[in-house]
Structures are given as C-alpha cells and as structure tokens.
Amino acid sequence: MQRFSTFEITELKLVYRILHQNLMSHMELMDGEFLEVLQRWLQYRAVEDGVDLTDHAQWDGWLKGAVVPAVDASAGPTVIPLSMSLDND
C-alpha cells in the first residue's frame, strides 16, 4: 500500500475521483487491484487527517480538498435518550 506514498496526495485524490466517476462505464475497474489499493491508501490518509470514513460527506469532501473540521474527542459521543414509555405521567 505504501507504493502510493511517493505521489502527491492531491494527484491521487484526483485519479481516484476520476476512476470512481467512470466505474459504470468501465466495470472491470470495480474488481481491479489498483483501485482497491488506491482507495485503502486514501482512506488511511483521510483517517490521519481526522476524516470519519463512516460519514460519506466527510470522505467525499476530503477527496475534493475540503478541510475536515476538528472534532473534540474528549466530548464523547452525543447520546439521545429514548423513551419506551407510552403513558404521559
């Protein structure tokens, strides 16, 4: 995977976006090792930059060069209480 470390990250993002945009026209890319390894490398770099890969908007924004807002890890996750009570006491 480190074979991509010698290339500029902006160039790799551009190549990935172009390939990804053309997957439907070239389905053989879907199973190609190159695209898989490139995606893993970019995901590794994105996580280093603080991107939450489960948030597609963050991933997509990062690929397009957007700065990912810093998250305060000490704040912890937001908890939304759920109530199963049906009565209005």
N, C-alpha and C. Protein backbone atom coordinates (compact mmCIF):
# COMPACT_ATOMS: atom_id res chain seq x y z
N MET A 1 0.82 -1.18 0.00
CA MET A 1 0.00 0.00 0.00
C MET A 1 0.87 1.26 0.00
N GLN A 2 2.05 1.17 0.55
CA GLN A 2 2.90 2.35 0.63
C GLN A 2 3.49 2.75 -0.72
N ARG A 3 3.20 1.97 -1.73
CA ARG A 3 3.72 2.34 -3.05
C ARG A 3 3.16 3.68 -3.52
N PHE A 4 2.05 4.13 -2.91
CA PHE A 4 1.46 5.41 -3.28
C PHE A 4 2.06 6.57 -2.48
N SER A 5 2.87 6.27 -1.48
CA SER A 5 3.38 7.31 -0.60
C SER A 5 4.32 8.29 -1.32
N THR A 6 4.83 7.91 -2.46
CA THR A 6 5.76 8.79 -3.18
C THR A 6 5.03 9.83 -4.04
N PHE A 7 3.72 9.67 -4.20
CA PHE A 7 2.94 10.58 -5.04
C PHE A 7 2.24 11.64 -4.20
N GLU A 8 1.99 12.79 -4.80
CA GLU A 8 1.26 13.86 -4.13
C GLU A 8 -0.17 13.40 -3.85
N ILE A 9 -0.64 13.67 -2.65
CA ILE A 9 -1.97 13.23 -2.25
C ILE A 9 -3.05 13.89 -3.12
N THR A 10 -2.85 15.12 -3.53
CA THR A 10 -3.85 15.79 -4.36
C THR A 10 -3.99 15.10 -5.73
N GLU A 11 -2.88 14.62 -6.26
CA GLU A 11 -2.93 13.89 -7.53
C GLU A 11 -3.65 12.55 -7.36
N LEU A 12 -3.36 11.87 -6.27
CA LEU A 12 -4.01 10.58 -6.01
C LEU A 12 -5.51 10.75 -5.82
N LYS A 13 -5.91 11.81 -5.13
CA LYS A 13 -7.34 12.08 -4.95
C LYS A 13 -8.02 12.31 -6.30
N LEU A 14 -7.36 13.08 -7.16
CA LEU A 14 -7.91 13.36 -8.49
C LEU A 14 -8.05 12.08 -9.30
N VAL A 15 -7.02 11.27 -9.32
CA VAL A 15 -7.08 10.00 -10.06
C VAL A 15 -8.21 9.13 -9.52
N TYR A 16 -8.32 9.04 -8.21
CA TYR A 16 -9.37 8.22 -7.61
C TYR A 16 -10.76 8.74 -7.98
N ARG A 17 -10.95 10.05 -7.89
CA ARG A 17 -12.27 10.62 -8.22
C ARG A 17 -12.63 10.35 -9.68
N ILE A 18 -11.67 10.50 -10.57
CA ILE A 18 -11.94 10.26 -11.99
C ILE A 18 -12.27 8.79 -12.24
N LEU A 19 -11.51 7.90 -11.64
CA LEU A 19 -11.79 6.46 -11.80
C LEU A 19 -13.16 6.12 -11.22
N HIS A 20 -13.43 6.62 -10.03
CA HIS A 20 -14.69 6.32 -9.36
C HIS A 20 -15.89 6.84 -10.16
N GLN A 21 -15.76 8.01 -10.76
CA GLN A 21 -16.84 8.59 -11.57
C GLN A 21 -17.11 7.78 -12.83
N ASN A 22 -16.14 7.00 -13.26
CA ASN A 22 -16.27 6.25 -14.51
C ASN A 22 -16.44 4.75 -14.32
N LEU A 23 -16.73 4.33 -13.10
CA LEU A 23 -16.89 2.90 -12.83
C LEU A 23 -18.00 2.27 -13.65
N MET A 24 -19.11 2.97 -13.80
CA MET A 24 -20.24 2.39 -14.53
C MET A 24 -19.90 2.17 -16.00
N SER A 25 -19.02 2.98 -16.55
CA SER A 25 -18.62 2.83 -17.95
C SER A 25 -17.53 1.78 -18.13
N HIS A 26 -16.83 1.47 -17.05
CA HIS A 26 -15.72 0.52 -17.10
C HIS A 26 -15.79 -0.40 -15.88
N MET A 27 -16.74 -1.29 -15.88
CA MET A 27 -16.99 -2.16 -14.74
C MET A 27 -15.77 -3.00 -14.36
N GLU A 28 -14.87 -3.22 -15.30
CA GLU A 28 -13.68 -4.02 -15.00
C GLU A 28 -12.79 -3.33 -13.95
N LEU A 29 -12.95 -2.01 -13.79
CA LEU A 29 -12.21 -1.30 -12.75
C LEU A 29 -12.66 -1.69 -11.35
N MET A 30 -13.92 -2.08 -11.24
CA MET A 30 -14.51 -2.39 -9.94
C MET A 30 -13.72 -3.47 -9.20
N ASP A 31 -13.25 -4.47 -9.90
CA ASP A 31 -12.54 -5.58 -9.27
C ASP A 31 -11.02 -5.46 -9.39
N GLY A 32 -10.55 -4.34 -9.91
CA GLY A 32 -9.12 -4.18 -10.12
C GLY A 32 -8.37 -3.91 -8.82
N GLU A 33 -7.19 -4.49 -8.72
CA GLU A 33 -6.36 -4.33 -7.54
C GLU A 33 -5.91 -2.88 -7.37
N PHE A 34 -5.63 -2.21 -8.48
CA PHE A 34 -5.14 -0.83 -8.41
C PHE A 34 -6.13 0.06 -7.67
N LEU A 35 -7.39 0.02 -8.07
CA LEU A 35 -8.40 0.88 -7.45
C LEU A 35 -8.60 0.52 -5.98
N GLU A 36 -8.58 -0.75 -5.67
CA GLU A 36 -8.74 -1.19 -4.28
C GLU A 36 -7.59 -0.69 -3.39
N VAL A 37 -6.37 -0.84 -3.87
CA VAL A 37 -5.21 -0.42 -3.08
C VAL A 37 -5.17 1.11 -2.97
N LEU A 38 -5.51 1.79 -4.04
CA LEU A 38 -5.55 3.25 -4.02
C LEU A 38 -6.60 3.73 -3.01
N GLN A 39 -7.76 3.11 -3.01
CA GLN A 39 -8.81 3.50 -2.07
C GLN A 39 -8.37 3.27 -0.62
N ARG A 40 -7.76 2.14 -0.35
CA ARG A 40 -7.28 1.87 1.01
C ARG A 40 -6.24 2.88 1.45
N TRP A 41 -5.33 3.24 0.54
CA TRP A 41 -4.31 4.23 0.87
C TRP A 41 -4.95 5.58 1.18
N LEU A 42 -5.89 5.99 0.34
CA LEU A 42 -6.55 7.27 0.55
C LEU A 42 -7.37 7.25 1.85
N GLN A 43 -8.01 6.14 2.15
CA GLN A 43 -8.76 6.05 3.39
C GLN A 43 -7.82 6.14 4.60
N TYR A 44 -6.68 5.51 4.51
CA TYR A 44 -5.67 5.60 5.57
C TYR A 44 -5.26 7.05 5.79
N ARG A 45 -4.96 7.76 4.70
CA ARG A 45 -4.56 9.16 4.78
C ARG A 45 -5.69 10.04 5.30
N ALA A 46 -6.93 9.73 4.88
CA ALA A 46 -8.08 10.51 5.34
C ALA A 46 -8.26 10.38 6.84
N VAL A 47 -8.13 9.18 7.36
CA VAL A 47 -8.25 8.97 8.81
C VAL A 47 -7.16 9.75 9.54
N GLU A 48 -5.96 9.77 8.99
CA GLU A 48 -4.88 10.57 9.58
C GLU A 48 -5.24 12.05 9.65
N ASP A 49 -6.05 12.50 8.70
CA ASP A 49 -6.48 13.90 8.66
C ASP A 49 -7.75 14.14 9.47
N GLY A 50 -8.23 13.09 10.16
CA GLY A 50 -9.40 13.25 11.02
C GLY A 50 -10.74 12.99 10.36
N VAL A 51 -10.74 12.38 9.20
CA VAL A 51 -11.99 12.09 8.50
C VAL A 51 -12.66 10.87 9.11
N ASP A 52 -13.96 10.99 9.34
CA ASP A 52 -14.78 9.86 9.78
C ASP A 52 -15.25 9.15 8.52
N LEU A 53 -14.67 8.00 8.24
CA LEU A 53 -14.98 7.28 7.00
C LEU A 53 -16.42 6.78 6.94
N THR A 54 -17.10 6.72 8.08
CA THR A 54 -18.50 6.30 8.06
C THR A 54 -19.41 7.45 7.62
N ASP A 55 -18.87 8.65 7.54
CA ASP A 55 -19.62 9.82 7.09
C ASP A 55 -19.23 10.10 5.64
N HIS A 56 -20.10 9.70 4.72
CA HIS A 56 -19.77 9.81 3.29
C HIS A 56 -19.48 11.26 2.88
N ALA A 57 -20.20 12.20 3.49
CA ALA A 57 -19.99 13.61 3.14
C ALA A 57 -18.57 14.05 3.51
N GLN A 58 -18.07 13.59 4.66
CA GLN A 58 -16.69 13.92 5.05
C GLN A 58 -15.69 13.31 4.08
N TRP A 59 -15.89 12.05 3.76
CA TRP A 59 -15.00 11.35 2.83
C TRP A 59 -14.98 12.04 1.48
N ASP A 60 -16.16 12.35 0.97
CA ASP A 60 -16.28 13.00 -0.33
C ASP A 60 -15.67 14.39 -0.30
N GLY A 61 -15.93 15.13 0.76
CA GLY A 61 -15.35 16.46 0.90
C GLY A 61 -13.84 16.42 0.95
N TRP A 62 -13.31 15.46 1.69
CA TRP A 62 -11.86 15.32 1.80
C TRP A 62 -11.25 15.00 0.43
N LEU A 63 -11.91 14.13 -0.31
CA LEU A 63 -11.41 13.79 -1.65
C LEU A 63 -11.37 15.02 -2.55
N LYS A 64 -12.30 15.95 -2.33
CA LYS A 64 -12.38 17.16 -3.15
C LYS A 64 -11.53 18.29 -2.59
N GLY A 65 -10.80 18.03 -1.50
CA GLY A 65 -9.89 19.03 -0.96
C GLY A 65 -10.43 19.86 0.18
N ALA A 66 -11.62 19.55 0.67
CA ALA A 66 -12.19 20.30 1.79
C ALA A 66 -11.43 19.99 3.07
N VAL A 67 -11.35 20.97 3.94
CA VAL A 67 -10.72 20.78 5.24
C VAL A 67 -11.76 20.16 6.17
N VAL A 68 -11.37 19.11 6.85
CA VAL A 68 -12.27 18.42 7.77
C VAL A 68 -12.23 19.14 9.11
N PRO A 69 -13.40 19.52 9.64
CA PRO A 69 -13.39 20.21 10.93
C PRO A 69 -12.89 19.29 12.05
N ALA A 70 -12.14 19.87 12.95
CA ALA A 70 -11.62 19.10 14.08
C ALA A 70 -12.76 18.72 15.01
N VAL A 71 -12.69 17.50 15.52
CA VAL A 71 -13.70 17.00 16.44
C VAL A 71 -13.05 16.88 17.81
N ASP A 72 -13.75 17.38 18.83
CA ASP A 72 -13.25 17.29 20.20
C ASP A 72 -13.52 15.90 20.72
N ALA A 73 -12.49 15.05 20.72
CA ALA A 73 -12.63 13.65 21.14
C ALA A 73 -12.99 13.53 22.61
N SER A 74 -12.61 14.52 23.42
CA SER A 74 -12.90 14.45 24.85
C SER A 74 -14.38 14.66 25.15
N ALA A 75 -15.11 15.25 24.21
CA ALA A 75 -16.53 15.50 24.43
C ALA A 75 -17.33 14.21 24.40
N GLY A 76 -16.83 13.20 23.72
CA GLY A 76 -17.53 11.92 23.64
C GLY A 76 -18.70 11.99 22.67
N PRO A 77 -19.33 10.86 22.45
CA PRO A 77 -20.45 10.83 21.51
C PRO A 77 -21.69 11.51 22.09
N THR A 78 -22.55 11.98 21.22
CA THR A 78 -23.82 12.55 21.65
C THR A 78 -24.79 11.41 21.90
N VAL A 79 -25.43 11.44 23.06
CA VAL A 79 -26.37 10.39 23.43
C VAL A 79 -27.77 10.98 23.40
N ILE A 80 -28.64 10.36 22.64
CA ILE A 80 -30.02 10.80 22.57
C ILE A 80 -30.86 9.80 23.33
N PRO A 81 -31.45 10.23 24.46
CA PRO A 81 -32.24 9.26 25.26
C PRO A 81 -33.51 8.86 24.53
N LEU A 82 -33.82 7.60 24.61
CA LEU A 82 -35.04 7.08 24.01
C LEU A 82 -35.97 6.63 25.13
N SER A 83 -37.22 6.95 24.99
CA SER A 83 -38.19 6.55 26.00
C SER A 83 -39.18 5.59 25.37
N MET A 84 -39.35 4.47 26.02
CA MET A 84 -40.31 3.47 25.53
C MET A 84 -41.66 3.64 26.21
N SER A 85 -41.76 4.59 27.15
CA SER A 85 -42.98 4.79 27.88
C SER A 85 -44.06 5.37 26.98
N LEU A 86 -45.23 4.78 27.00
CA LEU A 86 -46.34 5.27 26.18
C LEU A 86 -47.30 6.15 26.96
N ASP A 87 -47.20 6.10 28.31
CA ASP A 87 -48.11 6.93 29.08
C ASP A 87 -47.50 8.29 29.35
N ASN A 88 -48.29 9.29 29.56
CA ASN A 88 -47.83 10.67 29.73
C ASN A 88 -47.82 11.10 31.17
N ASP A 89 -47.32 10.30 32.10
CA ASP A 89 -47.30 10.66 33.53
C ASP A 89 -46.46 11.87 33.74
